[in-house]
């Protein structure tokens, strides 16, 4: 009604003009919000689809088994524990700082082993022998003076 009066050219007071401006502003804001909400909803749909696809690709890659064994060339470790299928410890290869203390009659022996080497374990989990060496010479350098091997 007010907009028709403005178009026809009839005199309009400032109060009517303010109401018309407010209605126009509200309709512009509503159309802007509709477009903005549509854009946001579209963005969220695209984002959800893209995130789902990335998750599916990563999950498939994680569960894919390697076809050929890898050749690592060289690895650096402080200790390697070799266990059988049921988790029984079978062999330990270690440096002097991480060496297994040993097990006899099912009891862990609390003793330091300041040597690097390899320890073998039997079916009960007891120590069954091993090999170790101390890399010290009589002069403090050069070739090792002590080494032992014990397999039972």
Foldseek 3Di string as FASTA:
>chain_A
DLVVCVVVPHDDDPVSVVVVVVVVVVVVVVVVVVVVVVVVVVVVVVVVVVVVVVVVVVVVVVPDDDPDDDDPPDDDDAKDFDADPVGQTFKMFHAQVPDQQFDDPNDGDPDHRRWGWMWGADPVNGTFWIKTFDQQDPVGDDGGDDIDTDGD
